[in-house]
Amino acid sequence: DPTIGLQGFQARKVAFALGLEGAAFKDMVKFLFSLYKAYEMSDSTMFE
């Protein structure tokens, strides 16, 4: 929902679905928040 942005449980859900665990899981959660920030900040329609 663009009105509230990416939530922590959503980032963790994606990282878990990718089969990550431990340090990689935590870093993927950070990665997703940073990527979403880049997407919103740059007014992109796609960031792949």
PDB file of all heavy atoms in Angstrom:
ATOM      1  N   ASP A   1       0.863  -1.180   0.000  1.00  0.00           N
ATOM      2  CA  ASP A   1       0.000   0.000   0.000  1.00  0.00           C
ATOM      3  C   ASP A   1       0.903   1.236   0.000  1.00  0.00           C
ATOM      4  O   ASP A   1       1.653   1.458   0.954  1.00  0.00           O
ATOM      5  CB  ASP A   1      -0.893  -0.010   1.241  1.00  0.00           C
ATOM      6  CG  ASP A   1      -1.897   1.142   1.252  1.00  0.00           C
ATOM      7  OD1 ASP A   1      -1.671   2.142   0.544  1.00  0.00           O
ATOM      8  OD2 ASP A   1      -2.893   1.036   1.973  1.00  0.00           O
ATOM      9  N   PRO A   2       0.858   2.054  -1.057  1.00  0.00           N
ATOM     10  CA  PRO A   2       1.782   3.193  -1.132  1.00  0.00           C
ATOM     11  C   PRO A   2       1.542   4.252  -0.052  1.00  0.00           C
ATOM     12  O   PRO A   2       2.415   5.080   0.200  1.00  0.00           O
ATOM     13  CB  PRO A   2       1.530   3.768  -2.537  1.00  0.00           C
ATOM     14  CG  PRO A   2       0.167   3.287  -2.915  1.00  0.00           C
ATOM     15  CD  PRO A   2      -0.002   1.956  -2.253  1.00  0.00           C
ATOM     16  N   THR A   3       0.367   4.208   0.574  1.00  0.00           N
ATOM     17  CA  THR A   3       0.090   5.209   1.616  1.00  0.00           C
ATOM     18  C   THR A   3       0.836   4.902   2.916  1.00  0.00           C
ATOM     19  O   THR A   3       1.063   5.801   3.728  1.00  0.00           O
ATOM     20  CB  THR A   3      -1.418   5.302   1.905  1.00  0.00           C
ATOM     21  OG1 THR A   3      -1.886   4.026   2.369  1.00  0.00           O
ATOM     22  CG2 THR A   3      -2.183   5.711   0.655  1.00  0.00           C
ATOM     23  N   ILE A   4       1.198   3.639   3.129  1.00  0.00           N
ATOM     24  CA  ILE A   4       1.918   3.290   4.356  1.00  0.00           C
ATOM     25  C   ILE A   4       3.307   2.715   4.074  1.00  0.00           C
ATOM     26  O   ILE A   4       4.139   2.622   4.973  1.00  0.00           O
ATOM     27  CB  ILE A   4       1.111   2.298   5.226  1.00  0.00           C
ATOM     28  CG1 ILE A   4       0.841   0.993   4.459  1.00  0.00           C
ATOM     29  CG2 ILE A   4      -0.191   2.926   5.695  1.00  0.00           C
ATOM     30  CD1 ILE A   4       0.179  -0.080   5.303  1.00  0.00           C
ATOM     31  N   GLY A   5       3.565   2.341   2.819  1.00  0.00           N
ATOM     32  CA  GLY A   5       4.885   1.858   2.444  1.00  0.00           C
ATOM     33  C   GLY A   5       5.149   0.416   2.855  1.00  0.00           C
ATOM     34  O   GLY A   5       4.288  -0.283   3.403  1.00  0.00           O
ATOM     35  N   LEU A   6       6.369  -0.027   2.587  1.00  0.00           N
ATOM     36  CA  LEU A   6       6.778  -1.393   2.902  1.00  0.00           C
ATOM     37  C   LEU A   6       6.831  -1.591   4.410  1.00  0.00           C
ATOM     38  O   LEU A   6       7.432  -0.804   5.138  1.00  0.00           O
ATOM     39  CB  LEU A   6       8.156  -1.662   2.285  1.00  0.00           C
ATOM     40  CG  LEU A   6       8.810  -3.018   2.578  1.00  0.00           C
ATOM     41  CD1 LEU A   6       7.974  -4.159   2.016  1.00  0.00           C
ATOM     42  CD2 LEU A   6      10.228  -3.048   2.018  1.00  0.00           C
ATOM     43  N   GLN A   7       6.205  -2.657   4.883  1.00  0.00           N
ATOM     44  CA  GLN A   7       6.187  -2.974   6.313  1.00  0.00           C
ATOM     45  C   GLN A   7       7.189  -4.080   6.631  1.00  0.00           C
ATOM     46  O   GLN A   7       7.534  -4.907   5.773  1.00  0.00           O
ATOM     47  CB  GLN A   7       4.783  -3.404   6.733  1.00  0.00           C
ATOM     48  CG  GLN A   7       3.715  -2.338   6.505  1.00  0.00           C
ATOM     49  CD  GLN A   7       3.959  -1.093   7.331  1.00  0.00           C
ATOM     50  OE1 GLN A   7       3.910  -1.117   8.560  1.00  0.00           O
ATOM     51  NE2 GLN A   7       4.242   0.018   6.653  1.00  0.00           N
ATOM     52  N   GLY A   8       7.627  -4.112   7.878  1.00  0.00           N
ATOM     53  CA  GLY A   8       8.628  -5.080   8.290  1.00  0.00           C
ATOM     54  C   GLY A   8       8.203  -6.516   8.053  1.00  0.00           C
ATOM     55  O   GLY A   8       8.995  -7.343   7.585  1.00  0.00           O
ATOM     56  N   PHE A   9       6.948  -6.830   8.359  1.00  0.00           N
ATOM     57  CA  PHE A   9       6.491  -8.212   8.198  1.00  0.00           C
ATOM     58  C   PHE A   9       6.511  -8.620   6.723  1.00  0.00           C
ATOM     59  O   PHE A   9       6.729  -9.798   6.397  1.00  0.00           O
ATOM     60  CB  PHE A   9       5.095  -8.400   8.800  1.00  0.00           C
ATOM     61  CG  PHE A   9       3.957  -7.880   7.972  1.00  0.00           C
ATOM     62  CD1 PHE A   9       3.317  -8.696   7.047  1.00  0.00           C
ATOM     63  CD2 PHE A   9       3.531  -6.562   8.103  1.00  0.00           C
ATOM     64  CE1 PHE A   9       2.264  -8.217   6.280  1.00  0.00           C
ATOM     65  CE2 PHE A   9       2.492  -6.076   7.335  1.00  0.00           C
ATOM     66  CZ  PHE A   9       1.850  -6.903   6.416  1.00  0.00           C
ATOM     67  N   GLN A  10       6.297  -7.642   5.804  1.00  0.00           N
ATOM     68  CA  GLN A  10       6.315  -7.956   4.376  1.00  0.00           C
ATOM     69  C   GLN A  10       7.737  -8.254   3.900  1.00  0.00           C
ATOM     70  O   GLN A  10       7.953  -9.196   3.127  1.00  0.00           O
ATOM     71  CB  GLN A  10       5.728  -6.786   3.580  1.00  0.00           C
ATOM     72  CG  GLN A  10       4.243  -6.545   3.824  1.00  0.00           C
ATOM     73  CD  GLN A  10       3.728  -5.333   3.073  1.00  0.00           C
ATOM     74  OE1 GLN A  10       4.249  -4.224   3.258  1.00  0.00           O
ATOM     75  NE2 GLN A  10       2.723  -5.529   2.247  1.00  0.00           N
ATOM     76  N   ALA A  11       8.707  -7.463   4.367  1.00  0.00           N
ATOM     77  CA  ALA A  11      10.105  -7.704   3.995  1.00  0.00           C
ATOM     78  C   ALA A  11      10.565  -9.057   4.518  1.00  0.00           C
ATOM     79  O   ALA A  11      11.247  -9.819   3.813  1.00  0.00           O
ATOM     80  CB  ALA A  11      10.990  -6.589   4.533  1.00  0.00           C
ATOM     81  N   ARG A  12      10.178  -9.379   5.758  1.00  0.00           N
ATOM     82  CA  ARG A  12      10.565 -10.678   6.337  1.00  0.00           C
ATOM     83  C   ARG A  12       9.895 -11.831   5.582  1.00  0.00           C
ATOM     84  O   ARG A  12      10.503 -12.889   5.374  1.00  0.00           O
ATOM     85  CB  ARG A  12      10.195 -10.716   7.817  1.00  0.00           C
ATOM     86  CG  ARG A  12      11.030  -9.774   8.688  1.00  0.00           C
ATOM     87  CD  ARG A  12      10.812 -10.006  10.161  1.00  0.00           C
ATOM     88  NE  ARG A  12       9.469  -9.632  10.586  1.00  0.00           N
ATOM     89  CZ  ARG A  12       9.105  -8.422  10.982  1.00  0.00           C
ATOM     90  NH1 ARG A  12      10.000  -7.441  10.986  1.00  0.00           N
ATOM     91  NH2 ARG A  12       7.873  -8.171  11.358  1.00  0.00           N
ATOM     92  N   LYS A  13       8.656 -11.617   5.158  1.00  0.00           N
ATOM     93  CA  LYS A  13       7.916 -12.640   4.407  1.00  0.00           C
ATOM     94  C   LYS A  13       8.639 -12.964   3.090  1.00  0.00           C
ATOM     95  O   LYS A  13       8.787 -14.136   2.716  1.00  0.00           O
ATOM     96  CB  LYS A  13       6.496 -12.142   4.134  1.00  0.00           C
ATOM     97  CG  LYS A  13       5.608 -13.100   3.370  1.00  0.00           C
ATOM     98  CD  LYS A  13       4.218 -12.484   3.183  1.00  0.00           C
ATOM     99  CE  LYS A  13       3.325 -13.359   2.327  1.00  0.00           C
ATOM    100  NZ  LYS A  13       1.992 -12.717   2.101  1.00  0.00           N
ATOM    101  N   VAL A  14       9.099 -11.930   2.380  1.00  0.00           N
ATOM    102  CA  VAL A  14       9.794 -12.133   1.112  1.00  0.00           C
ATOM    103  C   VAL A  14      11.143 -12.821   1.349  1.00  0.00           C
ATOM    104  O   VAL A  14      11.500 -13.773   0.636  1.00  0.00           O
ATOM    105  CB  VAL A  14      10.001 -10.787   0.378  1.00  0.00           C
ATOM    106  CG1 VAL A  14      10.888 -10.968  -0.853  1.00  0.00           C
ATOM    107  CG2 VAL A  14       8.658 -10.188  -0.031  1.00  0.00           C
ATOM    108  N   ALA A  15      11.885 -12.364   2.354  1.00  0.00           N
ATOM    109  CA  ALA A  15      13.194 -12.964   2.648  1.00  0.00           C
ATOM    110  C   ALA A  15      13.045 -14.436   3.014  1.00  0.00           C
ATOM    111  O   ALA A  15      13.853 -15.279   2.600  1.00  0.00           O
ATOM    112  CB  ALA A  15      13.870 -12.194   3.782  1.00  0.00           C
ATOM    113  N   PHE A  16      12.014 -14.761   3.783  1.00  0.00           N
ATOM    114  CA  PHE A  16      11.762 -16.154   4.166  1.00  0.00           C
ATOM    115  C   PHE A  16      11.403 -16.993   2.945  1.00  0.00           C
ATOM    116  O   PHE A  16      11.880 -18.126   2.785  1.00  0.00           O
ATOM    117  CB  PHE A  16      10.638 -16.208   5.196  1.00  0.00           C
ATOM    118  CG  PHE A  16      10.327 -17.599   5.681  1.00  0.00           C
ATOM    119  CD1 PHE A  16      11.125 -18.223   6.622  1.00  0.00           C
ATOM    120  CD2 PHE A  16       9.234 -18.297   5.175  1.00  0.00           C
ATOM    121  CE1 PHE A  16      10.846 -19.520   7.063  1.00  0.00           C
ATOM    122  CE2 PHE A  16       8.946 -19.593   5.602  1.00  0.00           C
ATOM    123  CZ  PHE A  16       9.751 -20.201   6.549  1.00  0.00           C
ATOM    124  N   ALA A  17      10.562 -16.426   2.055  1.00  0.00           N
ATOM    125  CA  ALA A  17      10.148 -17.148   0.849  1.00  0.00           C
ATOM    126  C   ALA A  17      11.322 -17.416  -0.081  1.00  0.00           C
ATOM    127  O   ALA A  17      11.292 -18.374  -0.870  1.00  0.00           O
ATOM    128  CB  ALA A  17       9.064 -16.367   0.111  1.00  0.00           C
ATOM    129  N   LEU A  18      12.367 -16.609   0.004  1.00  0.00           N
ATOM    130  CA  LEU A  18      13.572 -16.810  -0.812  1.00  0.00           C
ATOM    131  C   LEU A  18      14.495 -17.868  -0.213  1.00  0.00           C
ATOM    132  O   LEU A  18      15.555 -18.157  -0.770  1.00  0.00           O
ATOM    133  CB  LEU A  18      14.323 -15.487  -0.972  1.00  0.00           C
ATOM    134  CG  LEU A  18      13.649 -14.452  -1.891  1.00  0.00           C
ATOM    135  CD1 LEU A  18      14.366 -13.108  -1.793  1.00  0.00           C
ATOM    136  CD2 LEU A  18      13.628 -14.930  -3.338  1.00  0.00           C
ATOM    137  N   GLY A  19      14.108 -18.422   0.944  1.00  0.00           N
ATOM    138  CA  GLY A  19      14.880 -19.503   1.546  1.00  0.00           C
ATOM    139  C   GLY A  19      16.100 -19.043   2.310  1.00  0.00           C
ATOM    140  O   GLY A  19      17.013 -19.843   2.547  1.00  0.00           O
ATOM    141  N   LEU A  20      16.127 -17.782   2.706  1.00  0.00           N
ATOM    142  CA  LEU A  20      17.296 -17.255   3.404  1.00  0.00           C
ATOM    143  C   LEU A  20      17.153 -17.433   4.909  1.00  0.00           C
ATOM    144  O   LEU A  20      16.042 -17.500   5.450  1.00  0.00           O
ATOM    145  CB  LEU A  20      17.474 -15.767   3.064  1.00  0.00           C
ATOM    146  CG  LEU A  20      17.687 -15.457   1.576  1.00  0.00           C
ATOM    147  CD1 LEU A  20      17.697 -13.960   1.343  1.00  0.00           C
ATOM    148  CD2 LEU A  20      18.984 -16.091   1.077  1.00  0.00           C
ATOM    149  N   GLU A  21      18.283 -17.459   5.591  1.00  0.00           N
ATOM    150  CA  GLU A  21      18.268 -17.591   7.047  1.00  0.00           C
ATOM    151  C   GLU A  21      19.501 -16.913   7.627  1.00  0.00           C
ATOM    152  O   GLU A  21      20.450 -16.581   6.911  1.00  0.00           O
ATOM    153  CB  GLU A  21      18.224 -19.063   7.461  1.00  0.00           C
ATOM    154  CG  GLU A  21      19.331 -19.905   6.872  1.00  0.00           C
ATOM    155  CD  GLU A  21      19.172 -21.392   7.167  1.00  0.00           C
ATOM    156  OE1 GLU A  21      18.045 -21.849   7.416  1.00  0.00           O
ATOM    157  OE2 GLU A  21      20.204 -22.088   7.132  1.00  0.00           O
ATOM    158  N   GLY A  22      19.459 -16.711   8.920  1.00  0.00           N
ATOM    159  CA  GLY A  22      20.600 -16.123   9.623  1.00  0.00           C
ATOM    160  C   GLY A  22      20.963 -14.733   9.136  1.00  0.00           C
ATOM    161  O   GLY A  22      20.099 -13.881   8.900  1.00  0.00           O
ATOM    162  N   ALA A  23      22.269 -14.495   8.953  1.00  0.00           N
ATOM    163  CA  ALA A  23      22.766 -13.178   8.549  1.00  0.00           C
ATOM    164  C   ALA A  23      22.237 -12.773   7.175  1.00  0.00           C
ATOM    165  O   ALA A  23      21.932 -11.594   6.937  1.00  0.00           O
ATOM    166  CB  ALA A  23      24.287 -13.173   8.547  1.00  0.00           C
ATOM    167  N   ALA A  24      22.107 -13.744   6.267  1.00  0.00           N
ATOM    168  CA  ALA A  24      21.594 -13.442   4.924  1.00  0.00           C
ATOM    169  C   ALA A  24      20.142 -12.987   4.979  1.00  0.00           C
ATOM    170  O   ALA A  24      19.728 -12.080   4.248  1.00  0.00           O
ATOM    171  CB  ALA A  24      21.730 -14.675   4.024  1.00  0.00           C
ATOM    172  N   PHE A  25      19.357 -13.616   5.858  1.00  0.00           N
ATOM    173  CA  PHE A  25      17.952 -13.221   6.036  1.00  0.00           C
ATOM    174  C   PHE A  25      17.864 -11.765   6.501  1.00  0.00           C
ATOM    175  O   PHE A  25      17.112 -10.956   5.948  1.00  0.00           O
ATOM    176  CB  PHE A  25      17.291 -14.155   7.056  1.00  0.00           C
ATOM    177  CG  PHE A  25      15.853 -13.837   7.352  1.00  0.00           C
ATOM    178  CD1 PHE A  25      14.829 -14.453   6.651  1.00  0.00           C
ATOM    179  CD2 PHE A  25      15.515 -12.918   8.337  1.00  0.00           C
ATOM    180  CE1 PHE A  25      13.500 -14.158   6.923  1.00  0.00           C
ATOM    181  CE2 PHE A  25      14.196 -12.607   8.620  1.00  0.00           C
ATOM    182  CZ  PHE A  25      13.180 -13.232   7.903  1.00  0.00           C
ATOM    183  N   LYS A  26      18.648 -11.429   7.518  1.00  0.00           N
ATOM    184  CA  LYS A  26      18.622 -10.064   8.060  1.00  0.00           C
ATOM    185  C   LYS A  26      19.085  -9.046   7.017  1.00  0.00           C
ATOM    186  O   LYS A  26      18.524  -7.955   6.909  1.00  0.00           O
ATOM    187  CB  LYS A  26      19.517  -9.983   9.301  1.00  0.00           C
ATOM    188  CG  LYS A  26      18.997 -10.780  10.486  1.00  0.00           C
ATOM    189  CD  LYS A  26      19.955 -10.683  11.675  1.00  0.00           C
ATOM    190  CE  LYS A  26      19.463 -11.513  12.860  1.00  0.00           C
ATOM    191  NZ  LYS A  26      20.423 -11.467  13.992  1.00  0.00           N
ATOM    192  N   ASP A  27      20.117  -9.422   6.248  1.00  0.00           N
ATOM    193  CA  ASP A  27      20.631  -8.485   5.248  1.00  0.00           C
ATOM    194  C   ASP A  27      19.644  -8.305   4.099  1.00  0.00           C
ATOM    195  O   ASP A  27      19.553  -7.216   3.525  1.00  0.00           O
ATOM    196  CB  ASP A  27      21.983  -8.964   4.717  1.00  0.00           C
ATOM    197  CG  ASP A  27      22.901  -7.810   4.344  1.00  0.00           C
ATOM    198  OD1 ASP A  27      22.821  -6.754   5.005  1.00  0.00           O
ATOM    199  OD2 ASP A  27      23.685  -7.952   3.391  1.00  0.00           O
ATOM    200  N   MET A  28      18.891  -9.371   3.765  1.00  0.00           N
ATOM    201  CA  MET A  28      17.877  -9.244   2.715  1.00  0.00           C
ATOM    202  C   MET A  28      16.761  -8.303   3.151  1.00  0.00           C
ATOM    203  O   MET A  28      16.248  -7.516   2.348  1.00  0.00           O
ATOM    204  CB  MET A  28      17.306 -10.614   2.351  1.00  0.00           C
ATOM    205  CG  MET A  28      16.151 -10.559   1.348  1.00  0.00           C
ATOM    206  SD  MET A  28      16.557  -9.725  -0.221  1.00  0.00           S
ATOM    207  CE  MET A  28      17.461 -11.008  -1.074  1.00  0.00           C
ATOM    208  N   VAL A  29      16.371  -8.358   4.423  1.00  0.00           N
ATOM    209  CA  VAL A  29      15.339  -7.446   4.925  1.00  0.00           C
ATOM    210  C   VAL A  29      15.813  -6.000   4.767  1.00  0.00           C
ATOM    211  O   VAL A  29      15.074  -5.130   4.293  1.00  0.00           O
ATOM    212  CB  VAL A  29      14.998  -7.763   6.402  1.00  0.00           C
ATOM    213  CG1 VAL A  29      14.094  -6.677   6.994  1.00  0.00           C
ATOM    214  CG2 VAL A  29      14.319  -9.127   6.513  1.00  0.00           C
ATOM    215  N   LYS A  30      17.078  -5.737   5.146  1.00  0.00           N
ATOM    216  CA  LYS A  30      17.647  -4.392   4.974  1.00  0.00           C
ATOM    217  C   LYS A  30      17.680  -4.011   3.493  1.00  0.00           C
ATOM    218  O   LYS A  30      17.379  -2.877   3.117  1.00  0.00           O
ATOM    219  CB  LYS A  30      19.068  -4.331   5.557  1.00  0.00           C
ATOM    220  CG  LYS A  30      19.135  -4.457   7.069  1.00  0.00           C
ATOM    221  CD  LYS A  30      20.592  -4.416   7.526  1.00  0.00           C
ATOM    222  CE  LYS A  30      20.721  -4.627   9.032  1.00  0.00           C
ATOM    223  NZ  LYS A  30      22.148  -4.671   9.452  1.00  0.00           N
ATOM    224  N   PHE A  31      18.085  -4.972   2.665  1.00  0.00           N
ATOM    225  CA  PHE A  31      18.168  -4.743   1.217  1.00  0.00           C
ATOM    226  C   PHE A  31      16.812  -4.330   0.654  1.00  0.00           C
ATOM    227  O   PHE A  31      16.722  -3.390  -0.140  1.00  0.00           O
ATOM    228  CB  PHE A  31      18.665  -6.025   0.539  1.00  0.00           C
ATOM    229  CG  PHE A  31      18.681  -5.971  -0.967  1.00  0.00           C
ATOM    230  CD1 PHE A  31      19.813  -5.542  -1.642  1.00  0.00           C
ATOM    231  CD2 PHE A  31      17.568  -6.355  -1.714  1.00  0.00           C
ATOM    232  CE1 PHE A  31      19.837  -5.497  -3.032  1.00  0.00           C
ATOM    233  CE2 PHE A  31      17.579  -6.306  -3.096  1.00  0.00           C
ATOM    234  CZ  PHE A  31      18.716  -5.878  -3.756  1.00  0.00           C
ATOM    235  N   LEU A  32      15.747  -5.027   1.051  1.00  0.00           N
ATOM    236  CA  LEU A  32      14.410  -4.735   0.534  1.00  0.00           C
ATOM    237  C   LEU A  32      13.954  -3.333   0.926  1.00  0.00           C
ATOM    238  O   LEU A  32      13.365  -2.612   0.115  1.00  0.00           O
ATOM    239  CB  LEU A  32      13.414  -5.785   1.032  1.00  0.00           C
ATOM    240  CG  LEU A  32      13.592  -7.196   0.434  1.00  0.00           C
ATOM    241  CD1 LEU A  32      12.731  -8.199   1.176  1.00  0.00           C
ATOM    242  CD2 LEU A  32      13.254  -7.197  -1.049  1.00  0.00           C
ATOM    243  N   PHE A  33      14.234  -2.938   2.163  1.00  0.00           N
ATOM    244  CA  PHE A  33      13.858  -1.580   2.581  1.00  0.00           C
ATOM    245  C   PHE A  33      14.659  -0.530   1.807  1.00  0.00           C
ATOM    246  O   PHE A  33      14.113   0.504   1.405  1.00  0.00           O
ATOM    247  CB  PHE A  33      14.080  -1.416   4.092  1.00  0.00           C
ATOM    248  CG  PHE A  33      12.904  -1.848   4.923  1.00  0.00           C
ATOM    249  CD1 PHE A  33      12.930  -3.048   5.615  1.00  0.00           C
ATOM    250  CD2 PHE A  33      11.756  -1.067   4.995  1.00  0.00           C
ATOM    251  CE1 PHE A  33      11.846  -3.457   6.372  1.00  0.00           C
ATOM    252  CE2 PHE A  33      10.669  -1.466   5.751  1.00  0.00           C
ATOM    253  CZ  PHE A  33      10.711  -2.669   6.441  1.00  0.00           C
ATOM    254  N   SER A  34      15.945  -0.798   1.579  1.00  0.00           N
ATOM    255  CA  SER A  34      16.776   0.156   0.836  1.00  0.00           C
ATOM    256  C   SER A  34      16.348   0.232  -0.626  1.00  0.00           C
ATOM    257  O   SER A  34      16.296   1.320  -1.218  1.00  0.00           O
ATOM    258  CB  SER A  34      18.249  -0.252   0.928  1.00  0.00           C
ATOM    259  OG  SER A  34      18.718  -0.193   2.256  1.00  0.00           O
ATOM    260  N   LEU A  35      16.027  -0.921  -1.212  1.00  0.00           N
ATOM    261  CA  LEU A  35      15.570  -0.947  -2.602  1.00  0.00           C
ATOM    262  C   LEU A  35      14.247  -0.205  -2.749  1.00  0.00           C
ATOM    263  O   LEU A  35      14.067   0.580  -3.692  1.00  0.00           O
ATOM    264  CB  LEU A  35      15.418  -2.393  -3.076  1.00  0.00           C
ATOM    265  CG  LEU A  35      14.798  -2.592  -4.471  1.00  0.00           C
ATOM    266  CD1 LEU A  35      15.651  -1.912  -5.545  1.00  0.00           C
ATOM    267  CD2 LEU A  35      14.652  -4.082  -4.777  1.00  0.00           C
ATOM    268  N   TYR A  36      13.327  -0.440  -1.805  1.00  0.00           N
ATOM    269  CA  TYR A  36      12.031   0.239  -1.886  1.00  0.00           C
ATOM    270  C   TYR A  36      12.197   1.749  -1.706  1.00  0.00           C
ATOM    271  O   TYR A  36      11.518   2.545  -2.357  1.00  0.00           O
ATOM    272  CB  TYR A  36      11.070  -0.320  -0.829  1.00  0.00           C
ATOM    273  CG  TYR A  36       9.648   0.155  -1.021  1.00  0.00           C
ATOM    274  CD1 TYR A  36       8.830  -0.432  -1.985  1.00  0.00           C
ATOM    275  CD2 TYR A  36       9.121   1.206  -0.276  1.00  0.00           C
ATOM    276  CE1 TYR A  36       7.534   0.004  -2.191  1.00  0.00           C
ATOM    277  CE2 TYR A  36       7.833   1.644  -0.468  1.00  0.00           C
ATOM    278  CZ  TYR A  36       7.044   1.038  -1.429  1.00  0.00           C
ATOM    279  OH  TYR A  36       5.757   1.493  -1.643  1.00  0.00           O
ATOM    280  N   LYS A  37      13.142   2.136  -0.864  1.00  0.00           N
ATOM    281  CA  LYS A  37      13.442   3.565  -0.677  1.00  0.00           C
ATOM    282  C   LYS A  37      13.941   4.171  -1.987  1.00  0.00           C
ATOM    283  O   LYS A  37      13.520   5.272  -2.382  1.00  0.00           O
ATOM    284  CB  LYS A  37      14.494   3.743   0.419  1.00  0.00           C
ATOM    285  CG  LYS A  37      14.912   5.191   0.659  1.00  0.00           C
ATOM    286  CD  LYS A  37      16.013   5.265   1.720  1.00  0.00           C
ATOM    287  CE  LYS A  37      16.501   6.693   1.907  1.00  0.00           C
ATOM    288  NZ  LYS A  37      17.612   6.765   2.908  1.00  0.00           N
ATOM    289  N   ALA A  38      14.837   3.450  -2.678  1.00  0.00           N
ATOM    290  CA  ALA A  38      15.366   3.932  -3.962  1.00  0.00           C
ATOM    291  C   ALA A  38      14.244   4.061  -4.988  1.00  0.00           C
ATOM    292  O   ALA A  38      14.185   5.029  -5.753  1.00  0.00           O
ATOM    293  CB  ALA A  38      16.447   2.984  -4.472  1.00  0.00           C
ATOM    294  N   TYR A  39      13.357   3.076  -5.017  1.00  0.00           N
ATOM    295  CA  TYR A  39      12.220   3.074  -5.948  1.00  0.00           C
ATOM    296  C   TYR A  39      11.321   4.285  -5.707  1.00  0.00           C
ATOM    297  O   TYR A  39      10.951   4.999  -6.647  1.00  0.00           O
ATOM    298  CB  TYR A  39      11.439   1.772  -5.761  1.00  0.00           C
ATOM    299  CG  TYR A  39      10.097   1.715  -6.447  1.00  0.00           C
ATOM    300  CD1 TYR A  39       9.982   1.394  -7.794  1.00  0.00           C
ATOM    301  CD2 TYR A  39       8.926   1.979  -5.735  1.00  0.00           C
ATOM    302  CE1 TYR A  39       8.749   1.331  -8.417  1.00  0.00           C
ATOM    303  CE2 TYR A  39       7.687   1.921  -6.344  1.00  0.00           C
ATOM    304  CZ  TYR A  39       7.601   1.597  -7.687  1.00  0.00           C
ATOM    305  OH  TYR A  39       6.377   1.555  -8.300  1.00  0.00           O
ATOM    306  N   GLU A  40      10.965   4.532  -4.457  1.00  0.00           N
ATOM    307  CA  GLU A  40      10.069   5.653  -4.132  1.00  0.00           C
ATOM    308  C   GLU A  40      10.769   6.993  -4.311  1.00  0.00           C
ATOM    309  O   GLU A  40      10.208   7.922  -4.888  1.00  0.00           O
ATOM    310  CB  GLU A  40       9.573   5.519  -2.693  1.00  0.00           C
ATOM    311  CG  GLU A  40       8.388   4.598  -2.528  1.00  0.00           C
ATOM    312  CD  GLU A  40       7.606   4.910  -1.262  1.00  0.00           C
ATOM    313  OE1 GLU A  40       8.240   5.202  -0.221  1.00  0.00           O
ATOM    314  OE2 GLU A  40       6.360   4.876  -1.311  1.00  0.00           O
ATOM    315  N   MET A  41      11.987   7.095  -3.819  1.00  0.00           N
ATOM    316  CA  MET A  41      12.718   8.366  -3.855  1.00  0.00           C
ATOM    317  C   MET A  41      12.970   8.842  -5.279  1.00  0.00           C
ATOM    318  O   MET A  41      12.941  10.036  -5.573  1.00  0.00           O
ATOM    319  CB  MET A  41      14.026   8.201  -3.086  1.00  0.00           C
ATOM    320  CG  MET A  41      14.907   9.447  -3.020  1.00  0.00           C
ATOM    321  SD  MET A  41      16.094   9.500  -4.384  1.00  0.00           S
ATOM    322  CE  MET A  41      17.161   8.119  -4.005  1.00  0.00           C
ATOM    323  N   SER A  42      13.193   7.888  -6.193  1.00  0.00           N
ATOM    324  CA  SER A  42      13.515   8.243  -7.573  1.00  0.00           C
ATOM    325  C   SER A  42      12.283   8.389  -8.462  1.00  0.00           C
ATOM    326  O   SER A  42      12.413   8.704  -9.640  1.00  0.00           O
ATOM    327  CB  SER A  42      14.455   7.191  -8.173  1.00  0.00           C
ATOM    328  OG  SER A  42      13.836   5.912  -8.190  1.00  0.00           O
ATOM    329  N   ASP A  43      11.098   8.165  -7.902  1.00  0.00           N
ATOM    330  CA  ASP A  43       9.856   8.199  -8.692  1.00  0.00           C
ATOM    331  C   ASP A  43       9.942   7.249  -9.879  1.00  0.00           C
ATOM    332  O   ASP A  43       9.627   7.597 -11.019  1.00  0.00           O
ATOM    333  CB  ASP A  43       9.544   9.619  -9.179  1.00  0.00           C
ATOM    334  CG  ASP A  43       8.935  10.485  -8.089  1.00  0.00           C
ATOM    335  OD1 ASP A  43       8.033   9.993  -7.391  1.00  0.00           O
ATOM    336  OD2 ASP A  43       9.358  11.636  -7.932  1.00  0.00           O
ATOM    337  N   SER A  44      10.370   6.027  -9.604  1.00  0.00           N
ATOM    338  CA  SER A  44      10.480   5.016 -10.651  1.00  0.00           C
ATOM    339  C   SER A  44       9.155   4.289 -10.833  1.00  0.00           C
ATOM    340  O   SER A  44       8.325   4.240  -9.932  1.00  0.00           O
ATOM    341  CB  SER A  44      11.561   3.984 -10.297  1.00  0.00           C
ATOM    342  OG  SER A  44      12.822   4.594 -10.169  1.00  0.00           O
ATOM    343  N   THR A  45       8.983   3.701 -12.011  1.00  0.00           N
ATOM    344  CA  THR A  45       7.861   2.793 -12.218  1.00  0.00           C
ATOM    345  C   THR A  45       8.346   1.346 -12.174  1.00  0.00           C
ATOM    346  O   THR A  45       7.539   0.425 -12.094  1.00  0.00           O
ATOM    347  CB  THR A  45       7.176   3.054 -13.575  1.00  0.00           C
ATOM    348  OG1 THR A  45       8.142   2.944 -14.625  1.00  0.00           O
ATOM    349  CG2 THR A  45       6.568   4.451 -13.608  1.00  0.00           C
ATOM    350  N   MET A  46       9.664   1.157 -12.213  1.00  0.00           N
ATOM    351  CA  MET A  46      10.253  -0.174 -12.079  1.00  0.00           C
ATOM    352  C   MET A  46      11.696  -0.039 -11.610  1.00  0.00           C
ATOM    353  O   MET A  46      12.438   0.811 -12.088  1.00  0.00           O
ATOM    354  CB  MET A  46      10.229  -0.928 -13.413  1.00  0.00           C
ATOM    355  CG  MET A  46      10.823  -2.330 -13.315  1.00  0.00           C
ATOM    356  SD  MET A  46      11.062  -3.118 -14.914  1.00  0.00           S
ATOM    357  CE  MET A  46      12.524  -2.254 -15.493  1.00  0.00           C
ATOM    358  N   PHE A  47      12.067  -0.872 -10.646  1.00  0.00           N
ATOM    359  CA  PHE A  47      13.462  -0.969 -10.194  1.00  0.00           C
ATOM    360  C   PHE A  47      13.760  -2.455 -10.043  1.00  0.00           C
ATOM    361  O   PHE A  47      13.324  -3.085  -9.090  1.00  0.00           O
ATOM    362  CB  PHE A  47      13.659  -0.241  -8.862  1.00  0.00           C
ATOM    363  CG  PHE A  47      14.929   0.551  -8.790  1.00  0.00           C
ATOM    364  CD1 PHE A  47      14.908   1.910  -8.489  1.00  0.00           C
ATOM    365  CD2 PHE A  47      16.160  -0.048  -9.018  1.00  0.00           C
ATOM    366  CE1 PHE A  47      16.081   2.658  -8.431  1.00  0.00           C
ATOM    367  CE2 PHE A  47      17.332   0.691  -8.959  1.00  0.00           C
ATOM    368  CZ  PHE A  47      17.295   2.039  -8.666  1.00  0.00           C
ATOM    369  N   GLU A  48      14.465  -2.999 -11.009  1.00  0.00           N
ATOM    370  CA  GLU A  48      14.672  -4.450 -11.091  1.00  0.00           C
ATOM    371  C   GLU A  48      16.136  -4.794 -10.869  1.00  0.00           C
ATOM    372  O   GLU A  48      17.015  -4.213 -11.503  1.00  0.00           O
ATOM    373  CB  GLU A  48      14.218  -4.932 -12.472  1.00  0.00           C
ATOM    374  CG  GLU A  48      14.334  -6.425 -12.684  1.00  0.00           C
ATOM    375  CD  GLU A  48      13.911  -6.832 -14.086  1.00  0.00           C
ATOM    376  OE1 GLU A  48      14.696  -6.610 -15.042  1.00  0.00           O
ATOM    377  OE2 GLU A  48      12.799  -7.351 -14.234  1.00  0.00           O
TER     378      GLU A  48
END
